[in-house]
Amino acid sequence: LGRALFWIVALCRSAGIDPEGALRRELGRFRSSFDFST
């Protein structure tokens, strides 16, 4: 899993995408979508 994640990040960076920013955005969306469960 770690190696796959490394390759995904490397591919994103080479494609000009910010993987950390995208991940944070997805995480925020994920959290907000599960907000109703609290």
Protein backbone atom coordinates (compact mmCIF):
# COMPACT_ATOMS: atom_id res chain seq x y z
CA LEU A 1 0.00 0.00 0.00
CA GLY A 2 2.81 2.37 0.88
CA ARG A 3 4.54 1.82 -2.47
CA ALA A 4 1.26 2.28 -4.37
CA LEU A 5 0.59 5.50 -2.47
CA PHE A 6 4.09 6.72 -3.30
CA TRP A 7 3.52 6.07 -7.00
CA ILE A 8 0.12 7.80 -6.93
CA VAL A 9 1.69 10.88 -5.33
CA ALA A 10 4.58 10.81 -7.82
CA LEU A 11 2.17 10.56 -10.76
CA CYS A 12 0.03 13.39 -9.39
CA ARG A 13 3.08 15.60 -8.97
CA SER A 14 4.32 14.86 -12.47
CA ALA A 15 0.84 15.69 -13.80
CA GLY A 16 0.95 19.06 -12.05
CA ILE A 17 -1.59 18.11 -9.39
CA ASP A 18 -1.06 18.90 -5.70
CA PRO A 19 -1.78 15.53 -4.02
CA GLU A 20 -1.81 16.95 -0.48
CA GLY A 21 -4.23 19.71 -1.39
CA ALA A 22 -6.49 17.28 -3.23
CA LEU A 23 -6.33 14.85 -0.32
CA ARG A 24 -7.26 17.56 2.18
CA ARG A 25 -10.15 18.64 -0.04
CA GLU A 26 -11.42 15.07 -0.31
CA LEU A 27 -10.98 14.55 3.43
CA GLY A 28 -12.99 17.70 4.14
CA ARG A 29 -15.75 16.53 1.81
CA PHE A 30 -15.68 13.10 3.45
CA ARG A 31 -15.96 14.62 6.94
CA SER A 32 -18.80 16.96 5.96
CA SER A 33 -20.71 14.11 4.34
CA PHE A 34 -20.56 12.16 7.61
CA ASP A 35 -21.37 15.15 9.80
CA PHE A 36 -24.96 14.02 10.22
CA SER A 37 -23.85 10.90 12.13
CA THR A 38 -22.71 12.92 15.16
